[in-house]
Amino acid sequence: MLSKNILEFWNLENERMFIKILLNLNSIKLEKSLYTIDAYLDDFRKLCTFIFTEMMNHNFLKKMNVELLSNEFVSPLFLIELKLISLENNNYKYAKELELHSEFIWESSKRSVF
């Protein structure tokens, strides 16, 4: 499952530390623009855009705005990641939330077969 793989990647120790650094840098007003959370997430949106485009090309998904679909897919995942970061010691259980999110995206975008 793509959503689970993304969250597992974000939960790697080095990746989680990098996200924390980006979050801290984004809260500081600097004269020079640095790599931002949005630029970081754009890499994931591009990956999802590629995957969803291929799924549309093979008629698994209906034709729709693939950039919007990618953003709608990645953004809630990142919110889950932010919860995991902020509640580090509370053993936040995200499996059900992840399942509901994936199901919603699938039901919203799958091609209808009559």
C-alpha atoms as a PDB file:
ATOM      1  CA  MET A   1       0.000   0.000   0.000  1.00  0.00           C
ATOM      2  CA  LEU A   2       1.526   3.283  -1.150  1.00  0.00           C
ATOM      3  CA  SER A   3       0.196   5.322   1.763  1.00  0.00           C
ATOM      4  CA  LYS A   4       1.670   2.911   4.323  1.00  0.00           C
ATOM      5  CA  ASN A   5       5.032   2.911   2.522  1.00  0.00           C
ATOM      6  CA  ILE A   6       5.172   6.707   2.538  1.00  0.00           C
ATOM      7  CA  LEU A   7       4.411   6.845   6.268  1.00  0.00           C
ATOM      8  CA  GLU A   8       6.985   4.160   6.993  1.00  0.00           C
ATOM      9  CA  PHE A   9       9.566   6.162   5.044  1.00  0.00           C
ATOM     10  CA  TRP A  10       8.702   9.356   6.921  1.00  0.00           C
ATOM     11  CA  ASN A  11       9.088   7.454  10.189  1.00  0.00           C
ATOM     12  CA  LEU A  12      12.670   6.429   9.536  1.00  0.00           C
ATOM     13  CA  GLU A  13      14.830   8.141  12.144  1.00  0.00           C
ATOM     14  CA  ASN A  14      16.851  10.252   9.691  1.00  0.00           C
ATOM     15  CA  GLU A  15      13.793  11.224   7.667  1.00  0.00           C
ATOM     16  CA  ARG A  16      11.837  12.206  10.759  1.00  0.00           C
ATOM     17  CA  MET A  17      14.760  14.359  11.925  1.00  0.00           C
ATOM     18  CA  PHE A  18      14.924  16.009   8.486  1.00  0.00           C
ATOM     19  CA  ILE A  19      11.195  16.812   8.633  1.00  0.00           C
ATOM     20  CA  LYS A  20      11.645  18.330  12.091  1.00  0.00           C
ATOM     21  CA  ILE A  21      14.488  20.492  10.799  1.00  0.00           C
ATOM     22  CA  LEU A  22      12.379  21.646   7.840  1.00  0.00           C
ATOM     23  CA  LEU A  23       9.494  22.476  10.159  1.00  0.00           C
ATOM     24  CA  ASN A  24      11.805  24.520  12.374  1.00  0.00           C
ATOM     25  CA  LEU A  25      13.347  26.327   9.402  1.00  0.00           C
ATOM     26  CA  ASN A  26       9.915  27.164   8.018  1.00  0.00           C
ATOM     27  CA  SER A  27       9.031  28.941  11.248  1.00  0.00           C
ATOM     28  CA  ILE A  28      12.039  31.271  10.980  1.00  0.00           C
ATOM     29  CA  LYS A  29      11.920  34.359   8.760  1.00  0.00           C
ATOM     30  CA  LEU A  30      15.069  34.262   6.654  1.00  0.00           C
ATOM     31  CA  GLU A  31      16.231  36.621   3.939  1.00  0.00           C
ATOM     32  CA  LYS A  32      17.226  33.721   1.739  1.00  0.00           C
ATOM     33  CA  SER A  33      14.715  31.033   0.827  1.00  0.00           C
ATOM     34  CA  LEU A  34      15.730  27.533   1.841  1.00  0.00           C
ATOM     35  CA  TYR A  35      14.346  24.119   1.027  1.00  0.00           C
ATOM     36  CA  THR A  36      10.806  24.114   2.390  1.00  0.00           C
ATOM     37  CA  ILE A  37       8.234  21.584   3.541  1.00  0.00           C
ATOM     38  CA  ASP A  38       6.254  22.335   0.380  1.00  0.00           C
ATOM     39  CA  ALA A  39       9.283  21.544  -1.801  1.00  0.00           C
ATOM     40  CA  TYR A  40       9.861  18.366   0.201  1.00  0.00           C
ATOM     41  CA  LEU A  41       6.243  17.268  -0.220  1.00  0.00           C
ATOM     42  CA  ASP A  42       6.358  18.180  -3.904  1.00  0.00           C
ATOM     43  CA  ASP A  43       8.693  15.205  -4.449  1.00  0.00           C
ATOM     44  CA  PHE A  44       6.009  12.893  -3.030  1.00  0.00           C
ATOM     45  CA  ARG A  45       3.272  14.612  -5.035  1.00  0.00           C
ATOM     46  CA  LYS A  46       5.319  14.086  -8.218  1.00  0.00           C
ATOM     47  CA  LEU A  47       5.740  10.394  -7.417  1.00  0.00           C
ATOM     48  CA  CYS A  48       1.997  10.043  -6.812  1.00  0.00           C
ATOM     49  CA  THR A  49       1.231  12.014  -9.983  1.00  0.00           C
ATOM     50  CA  PHE A  50       3.328   9.550 -11.958  1.00  0.00           C
ATOM     51  CA  ILE A  51       1.677   6.523 -10.338  1.00  0.00           C
ATOM     52  CA  PHE A  52      -1.853   7.898 -10.703  1.00  0.00           C
ATOM     53  CA  THR A  53      -1.225   8.904 -14.328  1.00  0.00           C
ATOM     54  CA  GLU A  54      -0.134   5.362 -15.121  1.00  0.00           C
ATOM     55  CA  MET A  55      -3.192   3.993 -13.339  1.00  0.00           C
ATOM     56  CA  MET A  56      -5.376   6.283 -15.461  1.00  0.00           C
ATOM     57  CA  ASN A  57      -3.567   5.203 -18.618  1.00  0.00           C
ATOM     58  CA  HIS A  58      -4.359   1.576 -17.755  1.00  0.00           C
ATOM     59  CA  ASN A  59      -7.993   2.407 -16.928  1.00  0.00           C
ATOM     60  CA  PHE A  60      -7.769   1.624 -13.220  1.00  0.00           C
ATOM     61  CA  LEU A  61      -8.673   5.212 -12.325  1.00  0.00           C
ATOM     62  CA  LYS A  62     -11.131   7.531 -13.993  1.00  0.00           C
ATOM     63  CA  LYS A  63      -9.767  10.547 -15.842  1.00  0.00           C
ATOM     64  CA  MET A  64      -9.382  13.427 -13.426  1.00  0.00           C
ATOM     65  CA  ASN A  65      -6.964  16.161 -12.433  1.00  0.00           C
ATOM     66  CA  VAL A  66      -3.991  14.051 -11.403  1.00  0.00           C
ATOM     67  CA  GLU A  67      -2.178  16.892  -9.608  1.00  0.00           C
ATOM     68  CA  LEU A  68      -5.230  17.530  -7.451  1.00  0.00           C
ATOM     69  CA  LEU A  69      -5.599  13.817  -6.739  1.00  0.00           C
ATOM     70  CA  SER A  70      -1.924  13.604  -5.755  1.00  0.00           C
ATOM     71  CA  ASN A  71      -2.227  16.563  -3.416  1.00  0.00           C
ATOM     72  CA  GLU A  72      -5.402  15.143  -1.869  1.00  0.00           C
ATOM     73  CA  PHE A  73      -3.582  11.859  -1.349  1.00  0.00           C
ATOM     74  CA  VAL A  74      -0.346  13.212   0.165  1.00  0.00           C
ATOM     75  CA  SER A  75      -1.667  16.037   2.354  1.00  0.00           C
ATOM     76  CA  PRO A  76      -3.640  13.905   4.850  1.00  0.00           C
ATOM     77  CA  LEU A  77      -0.697  11.506   5.053  1.00  0.00           C
ATOM     78  CA  PHE A  78       1.537  14.367   6.082  1.00  0.00           C
ATOM     79  CA  LEU A  79      -0.994  15.417   8.721  1.00  0.00           C
ATOM     80  CA  ILE A  80      -0.799  11.893  10.125  1.00  0.00           C
ATOM     81  CA  GLU A  81       2.991  12.231  10.128  1.00  0.00           C
ATOM     82  CA  LEU A  82       2.748  15.539  11.989  1.00  0.00           C
ATOM     83  CA  LYS A  83       0.606  13.824  14.630  1.00  0.00           C
ATOM     84  CA  LEU A  84       3.204  11.080  14.923  1.00  0.00           C
ATOM     85  CA  ILE A  85       5.960  13.653  15.367  1.00  0.00           C
ATOM     86  CA  SER A  86       4.085  15.773  17.902  1.00  0.00           C
ATOM     87  CA  LEU A  87       2.813  12.796  19.928  1.00  0.00           C
ATOM     88  CA  GLU A  88       6.082  10.845  19.819  1.00  0.00           C
ATOM     89  CA  ASN A  89       5.642   9.260  23.244  1.00  0.00           C
ATOM     90  CA  ASN A  90       1.917   8.524  23.058  1.00  0.00           C
ATOM     91  CA  ASN A  91       1.943   5.556  20.661  1.00  0.00           C
ATOM     92  CA  TYR A  92      -0.521   7.193  18.249  1.00  0.00           C
ATOM     93  CA  LYS A  93      -2.391   4.458  16.358  1.00  0.00           C
ATOM     94  CA  TYR A  94      -2.892   5.577  12.779  1.00  0.00           C
ATOM     95  CA  ALA A  95      -3.783   2.290  11.051  1.00  0.00           C
ATOM     96  CA  LYS A  96      -7.558   2.923  10.954  1.00  0.00           C
ATOM     97  CA  GLU A  97      -7.093   6.532   9.837  1.00  0.00           C
ATOM     98  CA  LEU A  98      -4.735   5.349   7.101  1.00  0.00           C
ATOM     99  CA  GLU A  99      -7.170   2.658   5.993  1.00  0.00           C
ATOM    100  CA  LEU A 100     -10.087   5.130   5.828  1.00  0.00           C
ATOM    101  CA  HIS A 101      -7.993   7.632   3.885  1.00  0.00           C
ATOM    102  CA  SER A 102      -6.847   5.041   1.345  1.00  0.00           C
ATOM    103  CA  GLU A 103     -10.378   3.718   0.940  1.00  0.00           C
ATOM    104  CA  PHE A 104     -11.735   7.237   0.393  1.00  0.00           C
ATOM    105  CA  ILE A 105      -9.118   8.051  -2.263  1.00  0.00           C
ATOM    106  CA  TRP A 106      -9.744   4.728  -4.014  1.00  0.00           C
ATOM    107  CA  GLU A 107     -13.541   5.058  -3.968  1.00  0.00           C
ATOM    108  CA  SER A 108     -13.293   8.648  -5.205  1.00  0.00           C
ATOM    109  CA  SER A 109     -10.986   7.932  -8.084  1.00  0.00           C
ATOM    110  CA  LYS A 110     -11.528   4.358  -9.271  1.00  0.00           C
ATOM    111  CA  ARG A 111     -12.991   3.786 -12.678  1.00  0.00           C
ATOM    112  CA  SER A 112     -16.558   2.591 -12.629  1.00  0.00           C
ATOM    113  CA  VAL A 113     -17.105  -0.725 -14.341  1.00  0.00           C
ATOM    114  CA  PHE A 114     -20.585  -1.355 -15.660  1.00  0.00           C
END
